[in-house]
Amino acid sequence: VLFPEEFHFGIANMWGLGSGITAAAAM
C-alpha cells in the first residue's frame, strides 16, 4: 500500500501509518 508502484513514502502515508500505530496503543 505504501509503495504500490515506486519507492516513494509520502507525508500523507506517514500520517496514516502513525494513526495505525497510535490507535493500537489507544486500543
mmCIF file of all heavy atoms, coordinates in Angstrom:
data_MODEL
# 
_entry.id   MODEL 
# 
loop_
_atom_site.group_PDB 
_atom_site.id 
_atom_site.type_symbol 
_atom_site.label_atom_id 
_atom_site.label_alt_id 
_atom_site.label_comp_id 
_atom_site.label_asym_id 
_atom_site.label_entity_id 
_atom_site.label_seq_id 
_atom_site.pdbx_PDB_ins_code 
_atom_site.Cartn_x 
_atom_site.Cartn_y 
_atom_site.Cartn_z 
_atom_site.occupancy 
_atom_site.B_iso_or_equiv 
_atom_site.pdbx_formal_charge 
_atom_site.auth_seq_id 
_atom_site.auth_comp_id 
_atom_site.auth_asym_id 
_atom_site.auth_atom_id 
_atom_site.pdbx_PDB_model_num 
ATOM 1   N N   . VAL A 1 1  ? 0.832   -1.202 0.000   1.00 0.00 ? 1  VAL A N   1 
ATOM 2   C CA  . VAL A 1 1  ? 0.000   0.000  0.000   1.00 0.00 ? 1  VAL A CA  1 
ATOM 3   C C   . VAL A 1 1  ? 0.870   1.256  0.000   1.00 0.00 ? 1  VAL A C   1 
ATOM 4   O O   . VAL A 1 1  ? 0.589   2.223  -0.705  1.00 0.00 ? 1  VAL A O   1 
ATOM 5   C CB  . VAL A 1 1  ? -0.941  0.004  1.233   1.00 0.00 ? 1  VAL A CB  1 
ATOM 6   C CG1 . VAL A 1 1  ? -1.679  1.333  1.338   1.00 0.00 ? 1  VAL A CG1 1 
ATOM 7   C CG2 . VAL A 1 1  ? -1.941  -1.137 1.130   1.00 0.00 ? 1  VAL A CG2 1 
ATOM 8   N N   . LEU A 1 2  ? 1.954   1.228  0.775   1.00 0.00 ? 2  LEU A N   1 
ATOM 9   C CA  . LEU A 1 2  ? 2.830   2.392  0.865   1.00 0.00 ? 2  LEU A CA  1 
ATOM 10  C C   . LEU A 1 2  ? 3.590   2.636  -0.432  1.00 0.00 ? 2  LEU A C   1 
ATOM 11  O O   . LEU A 1 2  ? 3.768   3.778  -0.858  1.00 0.00 ? 2  LEU A O   1 
ATOM 12  C CB  . LEU A 1 2  ? 3.834   2.201  2.010   1.00 0.00 ? 2  LEU A CB  1 
ATOM 13  C CG  . LEU A 1 2  ? 3.267   2.202  3.431   1.00 0.00 ? 2  LEU A CG  1 
ATOM 14  C CD1 . LEU A 1 2  ? 4.375   1.909  4.432   1.00 0.00 ? 2  LEU A CD1 1 
ATOM 15  C CD2 . LEU A 1 2  ? 2.606   3.529  3.752   1.00 0.00 ? 2  LEU A CD2 1 
ATOM 16  N N   . PHE A 1 3  ? 4.041   1.571  -1.077  1.00 0.00 ? 3  PHE A N   1 
ATOM 17  C CA  . PHE A 1 3  ? 4.853   1.695  -2.287  1.00 0.00 ? 3  PHE A CA  1 
ATOM 18  C C   . PHE A 1 3  ? 4.245   0.844  -3.402  1.00 0.00 ? 3  PHE A C   1 
ATOM 19  O O   . PHE A 1 3  ? 4.828   -0.174 -3.794  1.00 0.00 ? 3  PHE A O   1 
ATOM 20  C CB  . PHE A 1 3  ? 6.289   1.244  -2.014  1.00 0.00 ? 3  PHE A CB  1 
ATOM 21  C CG  . PHE A 1 3  ? 6.867   1.817  -0.759  1.00 0.00 ? 3  PHE A CG  1 
ATOM 22  C CD1 . PHE A 1 3  ? 7.149   0.997  0.320   1.00 0.00 ? 3  PHE A CD1 1 
ATOM 23  C CD2 . PHE A 1 3  ? 7.115   3.170  -0.645  1.00 0.00 ? 3  PHE A CD2 1 
ATOM 24  C CE1 . PHE A 1 3  ? 7.687   1.505  1.485   1.00 0.00 ? 3  PHE A CE1 1 
ATOM 25  C CE2 . PHE A 1 3  ? 7.652   3.693  0.515   1.00 0.00 ? 3  PHE A CE2 1 
ATOM 26  C CZ  . PHE A 1 3  ? 7.927   2.868  1.586   1.00 0.00 ? 3  PHE A CZ  1 
ATOM 27  N N   . PRO A 1 4  ? 3.082   1.217  -3.927  1.00 0.00 ? 4  PRO A N   1 
ATOM 28  C CA  . PRO A 1 4  ? 2.418   0.369  -4.920  1.00 0.00 ? 4  PRO A CA  1 
ATOM 29  C C   . PRO A 1 4  ? 3.140   0.301  -6.262  1.00 0.00 ? 4  PRO A C   1 
ATOM 30  O O   . PRO A 1 4  ? 3.062   -0.702 -6.960  1.00 0.00 ? 4  PRO A O   1 
ATOM 31  C CB  . PRO A 1 4  ? 1.050   1.035  -5.077  1.00 0.00 ? 4  PRO A CB  1 
ATOM 32  C CG  . PRO A 1 4  ? 1.272   2.459  -4.675  1.00 0.00 ? 4  PRO A CG  1 
ATOM 33  C CD  . PRO A 1 4  ? 2.310   2.423  -3.602  1.00 0.00 ? 4  PRO A CD  1 
ATOM 34  N N   . GLU A 1 5  ? 3.837   1.356  -6.646  1.00 0.00 ? 5  GLU A N   1 
ATOM 35  C CA  . GLU A 1 5  ? 4.455   1.378  -7.976  1.00 0.00 ? 5  GLU A CA  1 
ATOM 36  C C   . GLU A 1 5  ? 5.945   1.709  -7.912  1.00 0.00 ? 5  GLU A C   1 
ATOM 37  O O   . GLU A 1 5  ? 6.748   1.129  -8.614  1.00 0.00 ? 5  GLU A O   1 
ATOM 38  C CB  . GLU A 1 5  ? 3.730   2.394  -8.867  1.00 0.00 ? 5  GLU A CB  1 
ATOM 39  C CG  . GLU A 1 5  ? 2.280   1.983  -9.150  1.00 0.00 ? 5  GLU A CG  1 
ATOM 40  C CD  . GLU A 1 5  ? 1.544   3.025  -9.959  1.00 0.00 ? 5  GLU A CD  1 
ATOM 41  O OE1 . GLU A 1 5  ? 2.084   4.149  -10.106 1.00 0.00 ? 5  GLU A OE1 1 
ATOM 42  O OE2 . GLU A 1 5  ? 0.441   2.728  -10.447 1.00 0.00 ? 5  GLU A OE2 1 
ATOM 43  N N   . GLU A 1 6  ? 6.295   2.668  -7.053  1.00 0.00 ? 6  GLU A N   1 
ATOM 44  C CA  . GLU A 1 6  ? 7.691   3.042  -6.945  1.00 0.00 ? 6  GLU A CA  1 
ATOM 45  C C   . GLU A 1 6  ? 8.011   3.399  -5.491  1.00 0.00 ? 6  GLU A C   1 
ATOM 46  O O   . GLU A 1 6  ? 7.126   3.624  -4.681  1.00 0.00 ? 6  GLU A O   1 
ATOM 47  C CB  . GLU A 1 6  ? 8.015   4.252  -7.836  1.00 0.00 ? 6  GLU A CB  1 
ATOM 48  C CG  . GLU A 1 6  ? 7.166   5.475  -7.522  1.00 0.00 ? 6  GLU A CG  1 
ATOM 49  C CD  . GLU A 1 6  ? 7.464   6.630  -8.450  1.00 0.00 ? 6  GLU A CD  1 
ATOM 50  O OE1 . GLU A 1 6  ? 8.109   6.392  -9.480  1.00 0.00 ? 6  GLU A OE1 1 
ATOM 51  O OE2 . GLU A 1 6  ? 7.049   7.754  -8.139  1.00 0.00 ? 6  GLU A OE2 1 
ATOM 52  N N   . PHE A 1 7  ? 9.290   3.399  -5.177  1.00 0.00 ? 7  PHE A N   1 
ATOM 53  C CA  . PHE A 1 7  ? 9.709   3.644  -3.796  1.00 0.00 ? 7  PHE A CA  1 
ATOM 54  C C   . PHE A 1 7  ? 9.546   5.131  -3.487  1.00 0.00 ? 7  PHE A C   1 
ATOM 55  O O   . PHE A 1 7  ? 10.422  5.950  -3.750  1.00 0.00 ? 7  PHE A O   1 
ATOM 56  C CB  . PHE A 1 7  ? 11.165  3.215  -3.613  1.00 0.00 ? 7  PHE A CB  1 
ATOM 57  C CG  . PHE A 1 7  ? 11.590  3.170  -2.176  1.00 0.00 ? 7  PHE A CG  1 
ATOM 58  C CD1 . PHE A 1 7  ? 11.414  2.014  -1.436  1.00 0.00 ? 7  PHE A CD1 1 
ATOM 59  C CD2 . PHE A 1 7  ? 12.162  4.280  -1.580  1.00 0.00 ? 7  PHE A CD2 1 
ATOM 60  C CE1 . PHE A 1 7  ? 11.813  1.967  -0.107  1.00 0.00 ? 7  PHE A CE1 1 
ATOM 61  C CE2 . PHE A 1 7  ? 12.561  4.238  -0.253  1.00 0.00 ? 7  PHE A CE2 1 
ATOM 62  C CZ  . PHE A 1 7  ? 12.384  3.080  0.484   1.00 0.00 ? 7  PHE A CZ  1 
ATOM 63  N N   . HIS A 1 8  ? 8.380   5.453  -2.907  1.00 0.00 ? 8  HIS A N   1 
ATOM 64  C CA  . HIS A 1 8  ? 8.114   6.849  -2.557  1.00 0.00 ? 8  HIS A CA  1 
ATOM 65  C C   . HIS A 1 8  ? 7.200   6.876  -1.337  1.00 0.00 ? 8  HIS A C   1 
ATOM 66  O O   . HIS A 1 8  ? 6.067   6.440  -1.388  1.00 0.00 ? 8  HIS A O   1 
ATOM 67  C CB  . HIS A 1 8  ? 7.448   7.587  -3.726  1.00 0.00 ? 8  HIS A CB  1 
ATOM 68  C CG  . HIS A 1 8  ? 7.064   8.998  -3.375  1.00 0.00 ? 8  HIS A CG  1 
ATOM 69  N ND1 . HIS A 1 8  ? 8.006   9.967  -3.139  1.00 0.00 ? 8  HIS A ND1 1 
ATOM 70  C CD2 . HIS A 1 8  ? 5.846   9.575  -3.206  1.00 0.00 ? 8  HIS A CD2 1 
ATOM 71  C CE1 . HIS A 1 8  ? 7.381   11.109 -2.846  1.00 0.00 ? 8  HIS A CE1 1 
ATOM 72  N NE2 . HIS A 1 8  ? 6.079   10.900 -2.872  1.00 0.00 ? 8  HIS A NE2 1 
ATOM 73  N N   . PHE A 1 9  ? 7.738   7.361  -0.223  1.00 0.00 ? 9  PHE A N   1 
ATOM 74  C CA  . PHE A 1 9  ? 6.982   7.387  1.028   1.00 0.00 ? 9  PHE A CA  1 
ATOM 75  C C   . PHE A 1 9  ? 6.529   8.814  1.274   1.00 0.00 ? 9  PHE A C   1 
ATOM 76  O O   . PHE A 1 9  ? 7.282   9.649  1.760   1.00 0.00 ? 9  PHE A O   1 
ATOM 77  C CB  . PHE A 1 9  ? 7.860   6.893  2.175   1.00 0.00 ? 9  PHE A CB  1 
ATOM 78  C CG  . PHE A 1 9  ? 7.088   6.528  3.405   1.00 0.00 ? 9  PHE A CG  1 
ATOM 79  C CD1 . PHE A 1 9  ? 6.556   5.269  3.541   1.00 0.00 ? 9  PHE A CD1 1 
ATOM 80  C CD2 . PHE A 1 9  ? 6.883   7.456  4.410   1.00 0.00 ? 9  PHE A CD2 1 
ATOM 81  C CE1 . PHE A 1 9  ? 5.853   4.924  4.677   1.00 0.00 ? 9  PHE A CE1 1 
ATOM 82  C CE2 . PHE A 1 9  ? 6.183   7.117  5.546   1.00 0.00 ? 9  PHE A CE2 1 
ATOM 83  C CZ  . PHE A 1 9  ? 5.659   5.850  5.682   1.00 0.00 ? 9  PHE A CZ  1 
ATOM 84  N N   . GLY A 1 10 ? 5.260   9.128  0.937   1.00 0.00 ? 10 GLY A N   1 
ATOM 85  C CA  . GLY A 1 10 ? 4.737   10.470 1.076   1.00 0.00 ? 10 GLY A CA  1 
ATOM 86  C C   . GLY A 1 10 ? 4.397   10.812 2.517   1.00 0.00 ? 10 GLY A C   1 
ATOM 87  O O   . GLY A 1 10 ? 4.220   9.941  3.362   1.00 0.00 ? 10 GLY A O   1 
ATOM 88  N N   . ILE A 1 11 ? 4.287   12.122 2.783   1.00 0.00 ? 11 ILE A N   1 
ATOM 89  C CA  . ILE A 1 11 ? 3.968   12.583 4.126   1.00 0.00 ? 11 ILE A CA  1 
ATOM 90  C C   . ILE A 1 11 ? 2.585   12.107 4.555   1.00 0.00 ? 11 ILE A C   1 
ATOM 91  O O   . ILE A 1 11 ? 2.353   11.821 5.734   1.00 0.00 ? 11 ILE A O   1 
ATOM 92  C CB  . ILE A 1 11 ? 4.065   14.128 4.190   1.00 0.00 ? 11 ILE A CB  1 
ATOM 93  C CG1 . ILE A 1 11 ? 3.874   14.625 5.631   1.00 0.00 ? 11 ILE A CG1 1 
ATOM 94  C CG2 . ILE A 1 11 ? 3.058   14.764 3.253   1.00 0.00 ? 11 ILE A CG2 1 
ATOM 95  C CD1 . ILE A 1 11 ? 4.958   14.208 6.581   1.00 0.00 ? 11 ILE A CD1 1 
ATOM 96  N N   . ALA A 1 12 ? 1.657   12.000 3.595   1.00 0.00 ? 12 ALA A N   1 
ATOM 97  C CA  . ALA A 1 12 ? 0.313   11.532 3.935   1.00 0.00 ? 12 ALA A CA  1 
ATOM 98  C C   . ALA A 1 12 ? 0.344   10.103 4.458   1.00 0.00 ? 12 ALA A C   1 
ATOM 99  O O   . ALA A 1 12 ? -0.357  9.761  5.419   1.00 0.00 ? 12 ALA A O   1 
ATOM 100 C CB  . ALA A 1 12 ? -0.603  11.624 2.710   1.00 0.00 ? 12 ALA A CB  1 
ATOM 101 N N   . ASN A 1 13 ? 1.169   9.255  3.829   1.00 0.00 ? 13 ASN A N   1 
ATOM 102 C CA  . ASN A 1 13 ? 1.279   7.871  4.290   1.00 0.00 ? 13 ASN A CA  1 
ATOM 103 C C   . ASN A 1 13 ? 1.952   7.781  5.666   1.00 0.00 ? 13 ASN A C   1 
ATOM 104 O O   . ASN A 1 13 ? 1.648   6.873  6.451   1.00 0.00 ? 13 ASN A O   1 
ATOM 105 C CB  . ASN A 1 13 ? 2.065   7.038  3.279   1.00 0.00 ? 13 ASN A CB  1 
ATOM 106 C CG  . ASN A 1 13 ? 1.262   6.759  2.027   1.00 0.00 ? 13 ASN A CG  1 
ATOM 107 O OD1 . ASN A 1 13 ? 0.037   6.801  2.050   1.00 0.00 ? 13 ASN A OD1 1 
ATOM 108 N ND2 . ASN A 1 13 ? 1.940   6.481  0.934   1.00 0.00 ? 13 ASN A ND2 1 
ATOM 109 N N   . MET A 1 14 ? 2.837   8.700  5.957   1.00 0.00 ? 14 MET A N   1 
ATOM 110 C CA  . MET A 1 14 ? 3.447   8.730  7.280   1.00 0.00 ? 14 MET A CA  1 
ATOM 111 C C   . MET A 1 14 ? 2.393   9.027  8.336   1.00 0.00 ? 14 MET A C   1 
ATOM 112 O O   . MET A 1 14 ? 2.365   8.399  9.400   1.00 0.00 ? 14 MET A O   1 
ATOM 113 C CB  . MET A 1 14 ? 4.571   9.776  7.323   1.00 0.00 ? 14 MET A CB  1 
ATOM 114 C CG  . MET A 1 14 ? 5.768   9.448  6.454   1.00 0.00 ? 14 MET A CG  1 
ATOM 115 S SD  . MET A 1 14 ? 7.061   10.728 6.525   1.00 0.00 ? 14 MET A SD  1 
ATOM 116 C CE  . MET A 1 14 ? 7.567   10.591 8.239   1.00 0.00 ? 14 MET A CE  1 
ATOM 117 N N   . TRP A 1 15 ? 1.514   9.989  8.050   1.00 0.00 ? 15 TRP A N   1 
ATOM 118 C CA  . TRP A 1 15 ? 0.413   10.291 8.972   1.00 0.00 ? 15 TRP A CA  1 
ATOM 119 C C   . TRP A 1 15 ? -0.513  9.079  9.112   1.00 0.00 ? 15 TRP A C   1 
ATOM 120 O O   . TRP A 1 15 ? -0.963  8.755  10.220  1.00 0.00 ? 15 TRP A O   1 
ATOM 121 C CB  . TRP A 1 15 ? -0.380  11.498 8.479   1.00 0.00 ? 15 TRP A CB  1 
ATOM 122 C CG  . TRP A 1 15 ? 0.257   12.825 8.699   1.00 0.00 ? 15 TRP A CG  1 
ATOM 123 C CD1 . TRP A 1 15 ? 0.774   13.662 7.752   1.00 0.00 ? 15 TRP A CD1 1 
ATOM 124 C CD2 . TRP A 1 15 ? 0.450   13.489 9.959   1.00 0.00 ? 15 TRP A CD2 1 
ATOM 125 N NE1 . TRP A 1 15 ? 1.269   14.796 8.332   1.00 0.00 ? 15 TRP A NE1 1 
ATOM 126 C CE2 . TRP A 1 15 ? 1.089   14.727 9.684   1.00 0.00 ? 15 TRP A CE2 1 
ATOM 127 C CE3 . TRP A 1 15 ? 0.151   13.167 11.275  1.00 0.00 ? 15 TRP A CE3 1 
ATOM 128 C CZ2 . TRP A 1 15 ? 1.416   15.632 10.693  1.00 0.00 ? 15 TRP A CZ2 1 
ATOM 129 C CZ3 . TRP A 1 15 ? 0.476   14.076 12.289  1.00 0.00 ? 15 TRP A CZ3 1 
ATOM 130 C CH2 . TRP A 1 15 ? 1.108   15.283 11.988  1.00 0.00 ? 15 TRP A CH2 1 
ATOM 131 N N   . GLY A 1 16 ? -0.800  8.414  7.998   1.00 0.00 ? 16 GLY A N   1 
ATOM 132 C CA  . GLY A 1 16 ? -1.696  7.262  8.036   1.00 0.00 ? 16 GLY A CA  1 
ATOM 133 C C   . GLY A 1 16 ? -1.140  6.118  8.856   1.00 0.00 ? 16 GLY A C   1 
ATOM 134 O O   . GLY A 1 16 ? -1.848  5.522  9.678   1.00 0.00 ? 16 GLY A O   1 
ATOM 135 N N   . LEU A 1 17 ? 0.135   5.809  8.649   1.00 0.00 ? 17 LEU A N   1 
ATOM 136 C CA  . LEU A 1 17 ? 0.756   4.735  9.419   1.00 0.00 ? 17 LEU A CA  1 
ATOM 137 C C   . LEU A 1 17 ? 0.876   5.127  10.886  1.00 0.00 ? 17 LEU A C   1 
ATOM 138 O O   . LEU A 1 17 ? 0.708   4.293  11.787  1.00 0.00 ? 17 LEU A O   1 
ATOM 139 C CB  . LEU A 1 17 ? 2.137   4.417  8.844   1.00 0.00 ? 17 LEU A CB  1 
ATOM 140 C CG  . LEU A 1 17 ? 2.784   3.125  9.338   1.00 0.00 ? 17 LEU A CG  1 
ATOM 141 C CD1 . LEU A 1 17 ? 1.915   1.913  9.026   1.00 0.00 ? 17 LEU A CD1 1 
ATOM 142 C CD2 . LEU A 1 17 ? 4.173   2.954  8.724   1.00 0.00 ? 17 LEU A CD2 1 
ATOM 143 N N   . GLY A 1 18 ? 1.140   6.402  11.139  1.00 0.00 ? 18 GLY A N   1 
ATOM 144 C CA  . GLY A 1 18 ? 1.195   6.881  12.524  1.00 0.00 ? 18 GLY A CA  1 
ATOM 145 C C   . GLY A 1 18 ? -0.138  6.724  13.228  1.00 0.00 ? 18 GLY A C   1 
ATOM 146 O O   . GLY A 1 18 ? -0.186  6.401  14.419  1.00 0.00 ? 18 GLY A O   1 
ATOM 147 N N   . SER A 1 19 ? -1.223  6.939  12.490  1.00 0.00 ? 19 SER A N   1 
ATOM 148 C CA  . SER A 1 19 ? -2.554  6.766  13.090  1.00 0.00 ? 19 SER A CA  1 
ATOM 149 C C   . SER A 1 19 ? -2.800  5.308  13.446  1.00 0.00 ? 19 SER A C   1 
ATOM 150 O O   . SER A 1 19 ? -3.437  5.008  14.467  1.00 0.00 ? 19 SER A O   1 
ATOM 151 C CB  . SER A 1 19 ? -3.641  7.266  12.130  1.00 0.00 ? 19 SER A CB  1 
ATOM 152 O OG  . SER A 1 19 ? -3.818  6.380  11.034  1.00 0.00 ? 19 SER A OG  1 
ATOM 153 N N   . GLY A 1 20 ? -2.300  4.378  12.624  1.00 0.00 ? 20 GLY A N   1 
ATOM 154 C CA  . GLY A 1 20 ? -2.466  2.968  12.925  1.00 0.00 ? 20 GLY A CA  1 
ATOM 155 C C   . GLY A 1 20 ? -1.713  2.548  14.170  1.00 0.00 ? 20 GLY A C   1 
ATOM 156 O O   . GLY A 1 20 ? -2.234  1.819  15.022  1.00 0.00 ? 20 GLY A O   1 
ATOM 157 N N   . ILE A 1 21 ? -0.469  3.029  14.307  1.00 0.00 ? 21 ILE A N   1 
ATOM 158 C CA  . ILE A 1 21 ? 0.355   2.652  15.464  1.00 0.00 ? 21 ILE A CA  1 
ATOM 159 C C   . ILE A 1 21 ? -0.214  3.240  16.750  1.00 0.00 ? 21 ILE A C   1 
ATOM 160 O O   . ILE A 1 21 ? -0.349  2.549  17.768  1.00 0.00 ? 21 ILE A O   1 
ATOM 161 C CB  . ILE A 1 21 ? 1.807   3.119  15.250  1.00 0.00 ? 21 ILE A CB  1 
ATOM 162 C CG1 . ILE A 1 21 ? 2.417   2.386  14.044  1.00 0.00 ? 21 ILE A CG1 1 
ATOM 163 C CG2 . ILE A 1 21 ? 2.644   2.886  16.496  1.00 0.00 ? 21 ILE A CG2 1 
ATOM 164 C CD1 . ILE A 1 21 ? 3.786   2.909  13.632  1.00 0.00 ? 21 ILE A CD1 1 
ATOM 165 N N   . THR A 1 22 ? -0.562  4.528  16.731  1.00 0.00 ? 22 THR A N   1 
ATOM 166 C CA  . THR A 1 22 ? -1.079  5.157  17.953  1.00 0.00 ? 22 THR A CA  1 
ATOM 167 C C   . THR A 1 22 ? -2.481  4.671  18.288  1.00 0.00 ? 22 THR A C   1 
ATOM 168 O O   . THR A 1 22 ? -2.859  4.601  19.461  1.00 0.00 ? 22 THR A O   1 
ATOM 169 C CB  . THR A 1 22 ? -1.073  6.684  17.820  1.00 0.00 ? 22 THR A CB  1 
ATOM 170 O OG1 . THR A 1 22 ? -1.714  7.066  16.578  1.00 0.00 ? 22 THR A OG1 1 
ATOM 171 C CG2 . THR A 1 22 ? 0.341   7.231  17.825  1.00 0.00 ? 22 THR A CG2 1 
ATOM 172 N N   . ALA A 1 23 ? -3.274  4.327  17.269  1.00 0.00 ? 23 ALA A N   1 
ATOM 173 C CA  . ALA A 1 23 ? -4.593  3.760  17.543  1.00 0.00 ? 23 ALA A CA  1 
ATOM 174 C C   . ALA A 1 23 ? -4.474  2.409  18.234  1.00 0.00 ? 23 ALA A C   1 
ATOM 175 O O   . ALA A 1 23 ? -5.306  2.051  19.079  1.00 0.00 ? 23 ALA A O   1 
ATOM 176 C CB  . ALA A 1 23 ? -5.395  3.614  16.246  1.00 0.00 ? 23 ALA A CB  1 
ATOM 177 N N   . ALA A 1 24 ? -3.431  1.649  17.885  1.00 0.00 ? 24 ALA A N   1 
ATOM 178 C CA  . ALA A 1 24 ? -3.201  0.374  18.565  1.00 0.00 ? 24 ALA A CA  1 
ATOM 179 C C   . ALA A 1 24 ? -2.917  0.593  20.049  1.00 0.00 ? 24 ALA A C   1 
ATOM 180 O O   . ALA A 1 24 ? -3.437  -0.116 20.916  1.00 0.00 ? 24 ALA A O   1 
ATOM 181 C CB  . ALA A 1 24 ? -2.034  -0.364 17.904  1.00 0.00 ? 24 ALA A CB  1 
ATOM 182 N N   . ALA A 1 25 ? -2.081  1.588  20.344  1.00 0.00 ? 25 ALA A N   1 
ATOM 183 C CA  . ALA A 1 25 ? -1.799  1.906  21.744  1.00 0.00 ? 25 ALA A CA  1 
ATOM 184 C C   . ALA A 1 25 ? -3.066  2.354  22.460  1.00 0.00 ? 25 ALA A C   1 
ATOM 185 O O   . ALA A 1 25 ? -3.303  1.986  23.616  1.00 0.00 ? 25 ALA A O   1 
ATOM 186 C CB  . ALA A 1 25 ? -0.732  3.001  21.821  1.00 0.00 ? 25 ALA A CB  1 
ATOM 187 N N   . ALA A 1 26 ? -3.915  3.126  21.759  1.00 0.00 ? 26 ALA A N   1 
ATOM 188 C CA  . ALA A 1 26 ? -5.177  3.570  22.361  1.00 0.00 ? 26 ALA A CA  1 
ATOM 189 C C   . ALA A 1 26 ? -6.087  2.385  22.650  1.00 0.00 ? 26 ALA A C   1 
ATOM 190 O O   . ALA A 1 26 ? -6.812  2.371  23.660  1.00 0.00 ? 26 ALA A O   1 
ATOM 191 C CB  . ALA A 1 26 ? -5.870  4.558  21.425  1.00 0.00 ? 26 ALA A CB  1 
ATOM 192 N N   . MET A 1 27 ? -6.079  1.378  21.774  1.00 0.00 ? 27 MET A N   1 
ATOM 193 C CA  . MET A 1 27 ? -6.895  0.186  21.987  1.00 0.00 ? 27 MET A CA  1 
ATOM 194 C C   . MET A 1 27 ? -6.419  -0.604 23.205  1.00 0.00 ? 27 MET A C   1 
ATOM 195 O O   . MET A 1 27 ? -7.228  -1.121 23.978  1.00 0.00 ? 27 MET A O   1 
ATOM 196 C CB  . MET A 1 27 ? -6.849  -0.700 20.743  1.00 0.00 ? 27 MET A CB  1 
ATOM 197 C CG  . MET A 1 27 ? -7.672  -0.182 19.595  1.00 0.00 ? 27 MET A CG  1 
ATOM 198 S SD  . MET A 1 27 ? -9.426  -0.187 20.002  1.00 0.00 ? 27 MET A SD  1 
ATOM 199 C CE  . MET A 1 27 ? -10.068 0.560  18.515  1.00 0.00 ? 27 MET A CE  1 
# 
